[in-house]
Amino acid sequence: MTATRSARERKAAVEAGPLARVRIDLGADRQFVYKVACTTCLTKGDRPWSTYRPGEDNGYLAAMDRWILHLTERHPGAEAPCLAYLTAAQQRLQERREQRERAAGGDQTSDQPGD
C-alpha cells in the first residue's frame, strides 16, 4: 500500500528535525517534489532557505541530501535523525560533482599538444 502525500510529509518532517519545515508538492511530471525549508536561514529577498532547485532532482533523497549538508554547514550543533546519513549524502554529492566534471570535460576541446 502506498503512503499518502501527507503521511510522507510527516515522515520527512520527523527525519529532517525541528529546524525544518517540509512540504510535498506534485510536479509537472506528476512526481512528488520535496521542499524542505529552514526555519532560521533566509536567502535573497528574505525568503527561507530551501532544498528546492528548479530543473533539478527534487525527490526525497536529493532534498534530504541538500538538507543534511545545510544542517552540517549552517547548524553544526543541530540534531536530526537524517544526520545519520551524512556520509552517504557526502558520497552522493561527490559522485554528482564527478559526473558533472566528466560531462563538462567531454564537451570541451583541449589545447594540449598531442590531444
N, C-alpha and C. Protein backbone atom coordinates (compact mmCIF):
# COMPACT_ATOMS: atom_id res chain seq x y z
N MET A 1 0.84 -1.18 0.00
CA MET A 1 0.00 0.00 0.00
C MET A 1 0.88 1.24 0.00
N THR A 2 0.59 2.17 -0.86
CA THR A 2 1.36 3.39 -1.00
C THR A 2 0.94 4.41 0.06
N ALA A 3 1.93 5.05 0.64
CA ALA A 3 1.64 6.07 1.65
C ALA A 3 1.08 7.32 0.99
N THR A 4 0.21 8.01 1.68
CA THR A 4 -0.35 9.25 1.17
C THR A 4 0.70 10.35 1.21
N ARG A 5 0.42 11.40 0.49
CA ARG A 5 1.34 12.52 0.47
C ARG A 5 1.51 13.11 1.87
N SER A 6 0.42 13.23 2.62
CA SER A 6 0.52 13.80 3.97
C SER A 6 1.33 12.88 4.89
N ALA A 7 1.18 11.57 4.74
CA ALA A 7 1.97 10.64 5.56
C ALA A 7 3.45 10.75 5.21
N ARG A 8 3.76 10.87 3.93
CA ARG A 8 5.15 11.04 3.51
C ARG A 8 5.72 12.35 4.05
N GLU A 9 4.89 13.38 4.01
CA GLU A 9 5.30 14.70 4.50
C GLU A 9 5.63 14.64 6.00
N ARG A 10 4.78 13.98 6.76
CA ARG A 10 5.02 13.84 8.21
C ARG A 10 6.30 13.06 8.47
N LYS A 11 6.50 11.97 7.75
CA LYS A 11 7.70 11.16 7.94
C LYS A 11 8.97 11.96 7.61
N ALA A 12 8.93 12.69 6.49
CA ALA A 12 10.08 13.51 6.10
C ALA A 12 10.34 14.60 7.13
N ALA A 13 9.29 15.18 7.69
CA ALA A 13 9.45 16.23 8.70
C ALA A 13 10.11 15.68 9.96
N VAL A 14 9.74 14.48 10.36
CA VAL A 14 10.37 13.86 11.53
C VAL A 14 11.85 13.61 11.24
N GLU A 15 12.16 13.06 10.07
CA GLU A 15 13.55 12.78 9.70
C GLU A 15 14.39 14.06 9.63
N ALA A 16 13.80 15.14 9.12
CA ALA A 16 14.53 16.39 8.93
C ALA A 16 14.81 17.13 10.24
N GLY A 17 14.00 16.91 11.25
CA GLY A 17 14.25 17.52 12.55
C GLY A 17 13.52 18.83 12.76
N PRO A 18 13.75 19.44 13.93
CA PRO A 18 12.97 20.61 14.35
C PRO A 18 13.27 21.91 13.58
N LEU A 19 14.39 22.00 12.89
CA LEU A 19 14.70 23.22 12.14
C LEU A 19 14.06 23.24 10.76
N ALA A 20 13.40 22.16 10.39
CA ALA A 20 12.86 22.02 9.04
C ALA A 20 11.36 22.23 8.99
N ARG A 21 10.92 22.74 7.88
CA ARG A 21 9.51 22.80 7.52
C ARG A 21 9.41 22.06 6.19
N VAL A 22 8.67 20.96 6.15
CA VAL A 22 8.62 20.10 4.97
C VAL A 22 7.27 20.22 4.28
N ARG A 23 7.33 20.31 2.95
CA ARG A 23 6.12 20.33 2.15
C ARG A 23 6.37 19.46 0.92
N ILE A 24 5.38 18.73 0.50
CA ILE A 24 5.48 17.92 -0.71
C ILE A 24 4.44 18.42 -1.71
N ASP A 25 4.93 18.79 -2.89
CA ASP A 25 4.04 19.21 -3.98
C ASP A 25 4.08 18.15 -5.06
N LEU A 26 3.21 18.29 -6.02
CA LEU A 26 3.18 17.39 -7.16
C LEU A 26 3.76 18.15 -8.35
N GLY A 27 4.82 17.60 -8.94
CA GLY A 27 5.48 18.25 -10.07
C GLY A 27 4.70 18.08 -11.37
N ALA A 28 5.17 18.76 -12.41
CA ALA A 28 4.53 18.69 -13.72
C ALA A 28 4.51 17.26 -14.25
N ASP A 29 5.51 16.46 -13.85
CA ASP A 29 5.57 15.07 -14.29
C ASP A 29 4.77 14.14 -13.36
N ARG A 30 4.00 14.73 -12.48
CA ARG A 30 3.15 14.02 -11.51
C ARG A 30 3.96 13.21 -10.50
N GLN A 31 5.20 13.62 -10.25
CA GLN A 31 6.05 13.02 -9.23
C GLN A 31 6.07 13.95 -8.02
N PHE A 32 6.33 13.37 -6.85
CA PHE A 32 6.41 14.19 -5.64
C PHE A 32 7.65 15.07 -5.67
N VAL A 33 7.49 16.32 -5.30
CA VAL A 33 8.58 17.30 -5.19
C VAL A 33 8.68 17.65 -3.72
N TYR A 34 9.81 17.28 -3.10
CA TYR A 34 10.03 17.54 -1.68
C TYR A 34 10.67 18.91 -1.52
N LYS A 35 10.10 19.71 -0.64
CA LYS A 35 10.63 21.03 -0.34
C LYS A 35 10.85 21.12 1.16
N VAL A 36 12.12 21.18 1.55
CA VAL A 36 12.48 21.30 2.96
C VAL A 36 13.03 22.71 3.14
N ALA A 37 12.39 23.49 3.99
CA ALA A 37 12.80 24.87 4.23
C ALA A 37 13.37 24.98 5.64
N CYS A 38 14.36 25.84 5.80
CA CYS A 38 14.97 26.09 7.10
C CYS A 38 14.15 27.15 7.83
N THR A 39 13.87 26.91 9.08
CA THR A 39 13.07 27.86 9.87
C THR A 39 13.88 29.06 10.34
N THR A 40 15.21 29.03 10.18
CA THR A 40 16.03 30.14 10.67
C THR A 40 16.83 30.86 9.59
N CYS A 41 17.18 30.20 8.51
CA CYS A 41 18.03 30.80 7.47
C CYS A 41 17.21 31.45 6.36
N LEU A 42 17.64 32.61 5.94
CA LEU A 42 16.97 33.35 4.87
C LEU A 42 17.91 33.49 3.68
N THR A 43 17.31 33.63 2.49
CA THR A 43 18.09 33.87 1.27
C THR A 43 17.74 35.26 0.77
N LYS A 44 18.11 35.54 -0.45
CA LYS A 44 17.79 36.84 -1.04
C LYS A 44 16.29 37.09 -0.97
N GLY A 45 15.93 38.30 -0.70
CA GLY A 45 14.52 38.65 -0.60
C GLY A 45 13.86 38.16 0.67
N ASP A 46 14.67 37.83 1.66
CA ASP A 46 14.17 37.36 2.96
C ASP A 46 13.26 36.13 2.84
N ARG A 47 13.58 35.27 1.88
CA ARG A 47 12.86 34.01 1.74
C ARG A 47 13.59 32.93 2.51
N PRO A 48 12.86 31.98 3.08
CA PRO A 48 13.53 30.89 3.80
C PRO A 48 14.42 30.06 2.86
N TRP A 49 15.58 29.65 3.35
CA TRP A 49 16.44 28.75 2.58
C TRP A 49 15.66 27.46 2.34
N SER A 50 15.77 26.91 1.15
CA SER A 50 15.01 25.70 0.81
C SER A 50 15.85 24.76 -0.04
N THR A 51 15.51 23.48 0.02
CA THR A 51 16.19 22.47 -0.78
C THR A 51 15.72 22.45 -2.22
N TYR A 52 14.62 23.12 -2.52
CA TYR A 52 14.05 23.08 -3.87
C TYR A 52 14.99 23.75 -4.86
N ARG A 53 15.27 23.05 -5.97
CA ARG A 53 16.10 23.59 -7.03
C ARG A 53 15.35 23.40 -8.35
N PRO A 54 14.89 24.49 -8.97
CA PRO A 54 14.14 24.36 -10.23
C PRO A 54 14.98 23.62 -11.28
N GLY A 55 14.34 22.69 -11.95
CA GLY A 55 15.02 21.98 -13.03
C GLY A 55 15.94 20.86 -12.58
N GLU A 56 16.05 20.63 -11.29
CA GLU A 56 16.93 19.57 -10.79
C GLU A 56 16.08 18.51 -10.09
N ASP A 57 16.75 17.46 -9.66
CA ASP A 57 16.09 16.39 -8.93
C ASP A 57 15.62 16.94 -7.59
N ASN A 58 14.34 16.85 -7.33
CA ASN A 58 13.77 17.31 -6.07
C ASN A 58 13.01 16.19 -5.36
N GLY A 59 13.41 14.96 -5.64
CA GLY A 59 12.83 13.82 -4.97
C GLY A 59 13.30 13.76 -3.52
N TYR A 60 12.81 12.77 -2.80
CA TYR A 60 13.12 12.65 -1.38
C TYR A 60 14.62 12.62 -1.10
N LEU A 61 15.34 11.75 -1.78
CA LEU A 61 16.76 11.57 -1.49
C LEU A 61 17.56 12.84 -1.79
N ALA A 62 17.31 13.46 -2.92
CA ALA A 62 18.04 14.68 -3.28
C ALA A 62 17.75 15.81 -2.29
N ALA A 63 16.48 15.96 -1.93
CA ALA A 63 16.11 17.02 -0.98
C ALA A 63 16.73 16.76 0.39
N MET A 64 16.69 15.52 0.85
CA MET A 64 17.27 15.22 2.17
C MET A 64 18.79 15.38 2.15
N ASP A 65 19.44 15.02 1.05
CA ASP A 65 20.88 15.24 0.95
C ASP A 65 21.20 16.72 1.09
N ARG A 66 20.47 17.57 0.37
CA ARG A 66 20.70 19.02 0.47
C ARG A 66 20.46 19.51 1.90
N TRP A 67 19.40 18.98 2.52
CA TRP A 67 19.07 19.39 3.88
C TRP A 67 20.17 18.96 4.86
N ILE A 68 20.63 17.73 4.74
CA ILE A 68 21.69 17.21 5.62
C ILE A 68 22.93 18.09 5.49
N LEU A 69 23.32 18.42 4.26
CA LEU A 69 24.51 19.24 4.06
C LEU A 69 24.29 20.66 4.60
N HIS A 70 23.09 21.19 4.45
CA HIS A 70 22.78 22.51 5.01
C HIS A 70 22.91 22.48 6.54
N LEU A 71 22.34 21.46 7.15
CA LEU A 71 22.42 21.34 8.61
C LEU A 71 23.87 21.29 9.10
N THR A 72 24.69 20.49 8.44
CA THR A 72 26.07 20.34 8.91
C THR A 72 26.88 21.61 8.68
N GLU A 73 26.56 22.37 7.62
CA GLU A 73 27.32 23.59 7.33
C GLU A 73 26.82 24.79 8.14
N ARG A 74 25.52 24.96 8.23
CA ARG A 74 24.95 26.15 8.86
C ARG A 74 24.52 25.97 10.31
N HIS A 75 24.26 24.75 10.70
CA HIS A 75 23.75 24.47 12.06
C HIS A 75 24.51 23.27 12.64
N PRO A 76 25.82 23.41 12.84
CA PRO A 76 26.63 22.25 13.23
C PRO A 76 26.21 21.58 14.54
N GLY A 77 25.56 22.25 15.42
CA GLY A 77 25.14 21.64 16.69
C GLY A 77 23.75 21.04 16.64
N ALA A 78 23.07 21.21 15.53
CA ALA A 78 21.69 20.73 15.41
C ALA A 78 21.63 19.21 15.41
N GLU A 79 20.51 18.71 15.88
CA GLU A 79 20.28 17.27 15.87
C GLU A 79 19.05 16.96 15.04
N ALA A 80 19.16 15.93 14.23
CA ALA A 80 18.04 15.46 13.42
C ALA A 80 18.33 14.02 13.02
N PRO A 81 17.31 13.18 12.95
CA PRO A 81 17.52 11.78 12.58
C PRO A 81 18.24 11.61 11.24
N CYS A 82 18.00 12.51 10.30
CA CYS A 82 18.60 12.38 8.97
C CYS A 82 20.12 12.51 8.99
N LEU A 83 20.68 13.10 10.03
CA LEU A 83 22.14 13.26 10.09
C LEU A 83 22.87 11.92 10.17
N ALA A 84 22.16 10.86 10.46
CA ALA A 84 22.76 9.52 10.46
C ALA A 84 23.23 9.15 9.04
N TYR A 85 22.71 9.84 8.03
CA TYR A 85 23.04 9.54 6.64
C TYR A 85 24.03 10.54 6.05
N LEU A 86 24.74 11.27 6.88
CA LEU A 86 25.68 12.29 6.41
C LEU A 86 26.73 11.72 5.46
N THR A 87 27.35 10.62 5.83
CA THR A 87 28.41 10.04 4.99
C THR A 87 27.87 9.68 3.61
N ALA A 88 26.71 9.08 3.57
CA ALA A 88 26.10 8.70 2.28
C ALA A 88 25.75 9.95 1.46
N ALA A 89 25.26 10.99 2.10
CA ALA A 89 24.94 12.24 1.39
C ALA A 89 26.19 12.87 0.81
N GLN A 90 27.27 12.88 1.57
CA GLN A 90 28.54 13.42 1.08
C GLN A 90 29.05 12.61 -0.10
N GLN A 91 28.93 11.29 -0.04
CA GLN A 91 29.37 10.43 -1.13
C GLN A 91 28.57 10.70 -2.40
N ARG A 92 27.25 10.83 -2.27
CA ARG A 92 26.42 11.12 -3.44
C ARG A 92 26.75 12.48 -4.02
N LEU A 93 27.04 13.47 -3.17
CA LEU A 93 27.44 14.80 -3.64
C LEU A 93 28.73 14.70 -4.45
N GLN A 94 29.70 13.96 -3.95
CA GLN A 94 30.97 13.79 -4.65
C GLN A 94 30.74 13.11 -6.01
N GLU A 95 29.89 12.10 -6.03
CA GLU A 95 29.59 11.40 -7.29
C GLU A 95 28.93 12.33 -8.30
N ARG A 96 28.01 13.18 -7.84
CA ARG A 96 27.36 14.14 -8.74
C ARG A 96 28.38 15.13 -9.29
N ARG A 97 29.28 15.60 -8.46
CA ARG A 97 30.31 16.54 -8.92
C ARG A 97 31.21 15.90 -9.97
N GLU A 98 31.63 14.67 -9.71
CA GLU A 98 32.48 13.96 -10.67
C GLU A 98 31.75 13.73 -11.98
N GLN A 99 30.47 13.41 -11.92
CA GLN A 99 29.68 13.20 -13.13
C GLN A 99 29.57 14.49 -13.93
N ARG A 100 29.35 15.61 -13.25
CA ARG A 100 29.28 16.91 -13.93
C ARG A 100 30.62 17.25 -14.59
N GLU A 101 31.72 16.99 -13.87
CA GLU A 101 33.04 17.27 -14.43
C GLU A 101 33.31 16.44 -15.68
N ARG A 102 32.93 15.16 -15.64
CA ARG A 102 33.12 14.29 -16.81
C ARG A 102 32.28 14.80 -17.98
N ALA A 103 31.05 15.20 -17.70
CA ALA A 103 30.17 15.70 -18.75
C ALA A 103 30.71 17.00 -19.33
N ALA A 104 31.20 17.88 -18.48
CA ALA A 104 31.76 19.16 -18.95
C ALA A 104 33.06 18.92 -19.71
N GLY A 105 33.87 17.98 -19.24
CA GLY A 105 35.14 17.68 -19.90
C GLY A 105 34.94 17.09 -21.27
N GLY A 106 33.89 16.33 -21.47
CA GLY A 106 33.61 15.72 -22.75
C GLY A 106 33.14 16.72 -23.79
N ASP A 107 32.63 17.86 -23.36
CA ASP A 107 32.13 18.87 -24.28
C ASP A 107 33.20 19.89 -24.67
N GLN A 108 34.33 19.90 -23.98
CA GLN A 108 35.36 20.89 -24.23
C GLN A 108 36.44 20.29 -25.11
N THR A 109 37.07 21.15 -25.94
CA THR A 109 38.22 20.70 -26.73
C THR A 109 39.47 21.08 -25.99
N SER A 110 40.51 20.30 -26.17
CA SER A 110 41.75 20.51 -25.44
C SER A 110 42.74 21.27 -26.27
N ASP A 111 43.50 22.16 -25.61
CA ASP A 111 44.56 22.92 -26.27
C ASP A 111 45.90 22.24 -26.06
N GLN A 112 45.92 21.10 -25.41
CA GLN A 112 47.16 20.43 -25.07
C GLN A 112 47.75 19.75 -26.30
N PRO A 113 49.08 19.85 -26.47
CA PRO A 113 49.72 19.16 -27.58
C PRO A 113 49.51 17.66 -27.45
N GLY A 114 49.30 16.99 -28.57
CA GLY A 114 49.15 15.55 -28.57
C GLY A 114 47.73 15.09 -28.35
N ASP A 115 46.81 16.01 -28.11
CA ASP A 115 45.40 15.62 -27.92
C ASP A 115 44.66 15.69 -29.23
